[in-house]
Amino acid sequence: MPYLGTFLTDLTMIDTAIKDTYDSGFINFDKKRKEFEYLAQIKLLQSAAQLYHMRPDHGFFDWFYSIRIYDDNER
């Protein structure tokens, strides 16, 4: 899923910056709505990603595994 870290950061910021309840004791539904919007967007992106069919690129794997790995002395 693209930018999962960004979504999680934004959710954390919403959770820490906005109180769960008002001083009067009522639930802060604006906070809950914002959290729901982010979670709904994550769910939408996850469901769209299930439609992708990615095939392995064997040429890339051959190149990647042929790269020489240097030990500490050679670095």
N, C-alpha and C. Protein backbone atom coordinates (compact mmCIF):
# COMPACT_ATOMS: atom_id res chain seq x y z
N MET A 1 0.84 -1.17 0.00
CA MET A 1 0.00 0.00 0.00
C MET A 1 0.88 1.24 0.00
N PRO A 2 0.59 2.19 -0.86
CA PRO A 2 1.45 3.37 -0.93
C PRO A 2 1.32 4.26 0.30
N TYR A 3 2.46 4.73 0.76
CA TYR A 3 2.51 5.74 1.82
C TYR A 3 1.82 5.31 3.11
N LEU A 4 1.94 4.07 3.48
CA LEU A 4 1.32 3.61 4.72
C LEU A 4 1.87 4.38 5.91
N GLY A 5 3.17 4.65 5.90
CA GLY A 5 3.77 5.41 6.98
C GLY A 5 3.17 6.79 7.14
N THR A 6 2.85 7.42 6.02
CA THR A 6 2.23 8.75 6.06
C THR A 6 0.84 8.67 6.68
N PHE A 7 0.08 7.67 6.29
CA PHE A 7 -1.26 7.49 6.86
C PHE A 7 -1.17 7.26 8.37
N LEU A 8 -0.25 6.40 8.77
CA LEU A 8 -0.12 6.10 10.19
C LEU A 8 0.36 7.31 10.99
N THR A 9 1.25 8.10 10.39
CA THR A 9 1.69 9.34 11.05
C THR A 9 0.53 10.30 11.22
N ASP A 10 -0.27 10.45 10.16
CA ASP A 10 -1.42 11.34 10.24
C ASP A 10 -2.43 10.87 11.28
N LEU A 11 -2.67 9.57 11.34
CA LEU A 11 -3.58 9.04 12.35
C LEU A 11 -3.05 9.29 13.76
N THR A 12 -1.76 9.14 13.93
CA THR A 12 -1.16 9.40 15.24
C THR A 12 -1.29 10.87 15.61
N MET A 13 -1.07 11.75 14.64
CA MET A 13 -1.19 13.19 14.90
C MET A 13 -2.63 13.56 15.28
N ILE A 14 -3.59 12.98 14.58
CA ILE A 14 -4.99 13.24 14.91
C ILE A 14 -5.29 12.77 16.33
N ASP A 15 -4.79 11.59 16.67
CA ASP A 15 -5.07 11.03 17.99
C ASP A 15 -4.46 11.86 19.11
N THR A 16 -3.25 12.38 18.88
CA THR A 16 -2.60 13.14 19.94
C THR A 16 -3.03 14.60 19.98
N ALA A 17 -3.41 15.16 18.84
CA ALA A 17 -3.71 16.59 18.79
C ALA A 17 -5.16 16.92 19.17
N ILE A 18 -6.07 15.98 18.94
CA ILE A 18 -7.49 16.25 19.17
C ILE A 18 -7.98 15.38 20.33
N LYS A 19 -8.67 15.97 21.25
CA LYS A 19 -9.18 15.24 22.41
C LYS A 19 -10.36 14.35 22.02
N ASP A 20 -10.50 13.21 22.73
CA ASP A 20 -11.59 12.28 22.47
C ASP A 20 -12.95 12.85 22.86
N THR A 21 -12.95 13.64 23.91
CA THR A 21 -14.20 14.23 24.38
C THR A 21 -14.00 15.73 24.60
N TYR A 22 -15.11 16.43 24.55
CA TYR A 22 -15.08 17.86 24.87
C TYR A 22 -15.06 18.03 26.38
N ASP A 23 -14.82 19.25 26.83
CA ASP A 23 -14.81 19.52 28.27
C ASP A 23 -16.16 19.21 28.91
N SER A 24 -17.21 19.29 28.09
CA SER A 24 -18.55 19.01 28.61
C SER A 24 -18.81 17.51 28.77
N GLY A 25 -17.88 16.66 28.26
CA GLY A 25 -18.05 15.22 28.39
C GLY A 25 -18.62 14.56 27.15
N PHE A 26 -19.03 15.36 26.16
CA PHE A 26 -19.57 14.79 24.92
C PHE A 26 -18.44 14.26 24.04
N ILE A 27 -18.76 13.23 23.25
CA ILE A 27 -17.79 12.62 22.35
C ILE A 27 -17.46 13.60 21.23
N ASN A 28 -16.19 13.68 20.88
CA ASN A 28 -15.74 14.54 19.79
C ASN A 28 -15.90 13.77 18.47
N PHE A 29 -17.05 13.93 17.84
CA PHE A 29 -17.33 13.19 16.60
C PHE A 29 -16.53 13.72 15.43
N ASP A 30 -16.03 14.95 15.50
CA ASP A 30 -15.17 15.47 14.44
C ASP A 30 -13.88 14.66 14.37
N LYS A 31 -13.32 14.34 15.53
CA LYS A 31 -12.11 13.50 15.57
C LYS A 31 -12.41 12.12 15.00
N LYS A 32 -13.52 11.54 15.41
CA LYS A 32 -13.89 10.21 14.94
C LYS A 32 -14.11 10.20 13.43
N ARG A 33 -14.69 11.27 12.90
CA ARG A 33 -14.92 11.38 11.45
C ARG A 33 -13.59 11.43 10.71
N LYS A 34 -12.64 12.22 11.21
CA LYS A 34 -11.32 12.32 10.56
C LYS A 34 -10.60 10.98 10.58
N GLU A 35 -10.66 10.28 11.71
CA GLU A 35 -10.04 8.96 11.80
C GLU A 35 -10.69 8.00 10.81
N PHE A 36 -12.02 8.04 10.73
CA PHE A 36 -12.73 7.16 9.81
C PHE A 36 -12.33 7.44 8.37
N GLU A 37 -12.17 8.72 8.00
CA GLU A 37 -11.79 9.05 6.63
C GLU A 37 -10.43 8.46 6.27
N TYR A 38 -9.47 8.54 7.19
CA TYR A 38 -8.16 7.96 6.93
C TYR A 38 -8.24 6.44 6.83
N LEU A 39 -8.97 5.81 7.73
CA LEU A 39 -9.08 4.36 7.70
C LEU A 39 -9.82 3.87 6.46
N ALA A 40 -10.84 4.63 6.03
CA ALA A 40 -11.57 4.27 4.81
C ALA A 40 -10.66 4.39 3.59
N GLN A 41 -9.82 5.40 3.57
CA GLN A 41 -8.90 5.57 2.44
C GLN A 41 -7.87 4.43 2.41
N ILE A 42 -7.39 4.02 3.57
CA ILE A 42 -6.46 2.88 3.62
C ILE A 42 -7.15 1.62 3.11
N LYS A 43 -8.37 1.39 3.54
CA LYS A 43 -9.11 0.20 3.11
C LYS A 43 -9.36 0.23 1.60
N LEU A 44 -9.67 1.39 1.05
CA LEU A 44 -9.89 1.53 -0.38
C LEU A 44 -8.62 1.22 -1.17
N LEU A 45 -7.49 1.74 -0.71
CA LEU A 45 -6.22 1.47 -1.40
C LEU A 45 -5.84 0.00 -1.30
N GLN A 46 -6.11 -0.64 -0.17
CA GLN A 46 -5.80 -2.06 -0.03
C GLN A 46 -6.66 -2.91 -0.96
N SER A 47 -7.93 -2.56 -1.09
CA SER A 47 -8.80 -3.34 -1.98
C SER A 47 -8.41 -3.12 -3.44
N ALA A 48 -7.98 -1.91 -3.80
CA ALA A 48 -7.54 -1.65 -5.17
C ALA A 48 -6.25 -2.40 -5.47
N ALA A 49 -5.38 -2.55 -4.48
CA ALA A 49 -4.10 -3.23 -4.70
C ALA A 49 -4.29 -4.72 -4.97
N GLN A 50 -5.41 -5.29 -4.55
CA GLN A 50 -5.65 -6.71 -4.80
C GLN A 50 -5.88 -6.99 -6.28
N LEU A 51 -6.17 -5.96 -7.06
CA LEU A 51 -6.40 -6.14 -8.49
C LEU A 51 -5.11 -6.19 -9.30
N TYR A 52 -3.98 -5.81 -8.67
CA TYR A 52 -2.69 -5.83 -9.38
C TYR A 52 -2.18 -7.25 -9.49
N HIS A 53 -1.65 -7.56 -10.64
CA HIS A 53 -1.03 -8.86 -10.87
C HIS A 53 0.41 -8.60 -11.30
N MET A 54 1.32 -8.73 -10.36
CA MET A 54 2.71 -8.44 -10.64
C MET A 54 3.46 -9.74 -10.90
N ARG A 55 4.24 -9.74 -11.97
CA ARG A 55 5.04 -10.90 -12.32
C ARG A 55 6.49 -10.63 -11.96
N PRO A 56 7.20 -11.64 -11.49
CA PRO A 56 8.61 -11.42 -11.14
C PRO A 56 9.45 -11.16 -12.38
N ASP A 57 10.42 -10.28 -12.26
CA ASP A 57 11.35 -9.97 -13.34
C ASP A 57 12.62 -10.78 -13.10
N HIS A 58 12.73 -11.90 -13.78
CA HIS A 58 13.84 -12.81 -13.54
C HIS A 58 15.18 -12.19 -13.93
N GLY A 59 15.18 -11.29 -14.91
CA GLY A 59 16.41 -10.58 -15.27
C GLY A 59 16.92 -9.74 -14.12
N PHE A 60 16.01 -9.10 -13.41
CA PHE A 60 16.41 -8.30 -12.24
C PHE A 60 16.98 -9.20 -11.15
N PHE A 61 16.30 -10.31 -10.89
CA PHE A 61 16.80 -11.23 -9.86
C PHE A 61 18.19 -11.74 -10.21
N ASP A 62 18.40 -12.10 -11.48
CA ASP A 62 19.72 -12.57 -11.90
C ASP A 62 20.77 -11.50 -11.66
N TRP A 63 20.47 -10.25 -12.03
CA TRP A 63 21.41 -9.15 -11.82
C TRP A 63 21.64 -8.91 -10.33
N PHE A 64 20.58 -8.86 -9.56
CA PHE A 64 20.68 -8.54 -8.14
C PHE A 64 21.52 -9.57 -7.40
N TYR A 65 21.29 -10.83 -7.67
CA TYR A 65 22.02 -11.88 -6.96
C TYR A 65 23.44 -12.05 -7.49
N SER A 66 23.77 -11.43 -8.62
CA SER A 66 25.14 -11.51 -9.13
C SER A 66 26.03 -10.39 -8.59
N ILE A 67 25.47 -9.45 -7.86
CA ILE A 67 26.26 -8.35 -7.31
C ILE A 67 27.22 -8.90 -6.27
N ARG A 68 28.47 -8.45 -6.37
CA ARG A 68 29.49 -8.91 -5.43
C ARG A 68 29.26 -8.25 -4.07
N ILE A 69 29.33 -9.04 -3.02
CA ILE A 69 29.21 -8.54 -1.65
C ILE A 69 30.60 -8.42 -1.07
N TYR A 70 30.93 -7.21 -0.66
CA TYR A 70 32.24 -6.97 -0.08
C TYR A 70 32.22 -7.22 1.42
N ASP A 71 33.34 -7.73 1.93
CA ASP A 71 33.45 -7.90 3.38
C ASP A 71 33.95 -6.60 4.00
N ASP A 72 34.09 -6.56 5.31
CA ASP A 72 34.47 -5.33 6.01
C ASP A 72 35.83 -4.80 5.58
N ASN A 73 36.75 -5.68 5.28
CA ASN A 73 38.10 -5.24 4.88
C ASN A 73 38.11 -4.62 3.50
N GLU A 74 37.26 -5.07 2.61
CA GLU A 74 37.24 -4.56 1.23
C GLU A 74 36.46 -3.25 1.11
N ARG A 75 35.65 -2.93 2.07
CA ARG A 75 34.89 -1.69 2.00
C ARG A 75 35.81 -0.54 2.24
